[in-house]
Amino acid sequence: MREIIKLSCQVCKKNAYFQTKNKKAKSEKLVTKKFCKFCRAHVEHKESKV
């Protein structure tokens, strides 16, 4: 079953993105490099609580 997760910027700690993830297939936290509109740079975004 896919669940909605929230991605937070690791620099400014603001929530920028929402994604879905299969919790049974991947149990570890998702980390992706995305553009943060608050920092105005490409930085890592890590999964946080919804």
C-alpha atoms as a PDB file:
ATOM      1  CA  MET A   1       0.000   0.000   0.000  1.00  0.00           C
ATOM      2  CA  ARG A   2       1.308   3.434  -0.921  1.00  0.00           C
ATOM      3  CA  GLU A   3       1.322   6.189   1.694  1.00  0.00           C
ATOM      4  CA  ILE A   4       1.779   9.943   1.381  1.00  0.00           C
ATOM      5  CA  ILE A   5       5.073  11.266   2.777  1.00  0.00           C
ATOM      6  CA  LYS A   6       6.406  14.786   3.244  1.00  0.00           C
ATOM      7  CA  LEU A   7       9.899  15.877   2.140  1.00  0.00           C
ATOM      8  CA  SER A   8      11.635  18.569   4.198  1.00  0.00           C
ATOM      9  CA  CYS A   9      14.658  20.636   3.210  1.00  0.00           C
ATOM     10  CA  GLN A  10      17.769  19.772   5.235  1.00  0.00           C
ATOM     11  CA  VAL A  11      19.053  23.374   5.140  1.00  0.00           C
ATOM     12  CA  CYS A  12      16.051  25.559   6.027  1.00  0.00           C
ATOM     13  CA  LYS A  13      13.863  22.749   7.508  1.00  0.00           C
ATOM     14  CA  LYS A  14      10.743  23.847   5.588  1.00  0.00           C
ATOM     15  CA  ASN A  15       8.366  21.382   3.945  1.00  0.00           C
ATOM     16  CA  ALA A  16       8.482  21.682   0.193  1.00  0.00           C
ATOM     17  CA  TYR A  17       7.267  18.445  -1.409  1.00  0.00           C
ATOM     18  CA  PHE A  18       4.774  15.604  -0.965  1.00  0.00           C
ATOM     19  CA  GLN A  19       5.282  12.160  -2.523  1.00  0.00           C
ATOM     20  CA  THR A  20       3.935   8.632  -2.227  1.00  0.00           C
ATOM     21  CA  LYS A  21       6.011   5.685  -1.112  1.00  0.00           C
ATOM     22  CA  ASN A  22       5.470   1.952  -0.766  1.00  0.00           C
ATOM     23  CA  LYS A  23       6.182   1.356   2.939  1.00  0.00           C
ATOM     24  CA  LYS A  24       6.396  -2.445   2.548  1.00  0.00           C
ATOM     25  CA  ALA A  25       9.073  -2.310  -0.159  1.00  0.00           C
ATOM     26  CA  LYS A  26      11.194   0.501   1.353  1.00  0.00           C
ATOM     27  CA  SER A  27      11.302   0.852   5.104  1.00  0.00           C
ATOM     28  CA  GLU A  28      14.178   3.362   5.287  1.00  0.00           C
ATOM     29  CA  LYS A  29      13.643   7.125   4.976  1.00  0.00           C
ATOM     30  CA  LEU A  30      13.641   8.590   1.493  1.00  0.00           C
ATOM     31  CA  VAL A  31      16.362  11.169   0.678  1.00  0.00           C
ATOM     32  CA  THR A  32      16.387  13.009  -2.666  1.00  0.00           C
ATOM     33  CA  LYS A  33      18.108  16.061  -4.056  1.00  0.00           C
ATOM     34  CA  LYS A  34      15.487  18.623  -5.121  1.00  0.00           C
ATOM     35  CA  PHE A  35      15.144  22.368  -5.665  1.00  0.00           C
ATOM     36  CA  CYS A  36      14.099  24.270  -2.527  1.00  0.00           C
ATOM     37  CA  LYS A  37      12.093  27.403  -3.346  1.00  0.00           C
ATOM     38  CA  PHE A  38      12.949  28.910   0.057  1.00  0.00           C
ATOM     39  CA  CYS A  39      16.748  28.372  -0.177  1.00  0.00           C
ATOM     40  CA  ARG A  40      16.704  28.861  -3.977  1.00  0.00           C
ATOM     41  CA  ALA A  41      19.188  26.009  -4.432  1.00  0.00           C
ATOM     42  CA  HIS A  42      19.325  22.264  -5.085  1.00  0.00           C
ATOM     43  CA  VAL A  43      19.678  20.594  -1.678  1.00  0.00           C
ATOM     44  CA  GLU A  44      18.812  17.255  -0.072  1.00  0.00           C
ATOM     45  CA  HIS A  45      15.248  16.716   1.073  1.00  0.00           C
ATOM     46  CA  LYS A  46      14.524  14.019   3.659  1.00  0.00           C
ATOM     47  CA  GLU A  47      11.304  12.265   4.582  1.00  0.00           C
ATOM     48  CA  SER A  48       9.547  13.676   7.655  1.00  0.00           C
ATOM     49  CA  LYS A  49       6.255  13.169   9.497  1.00  0.00           C
ATOM     50  CA  VAL A  50       2.988  14.115   7.776  1.00  0.00           C
END
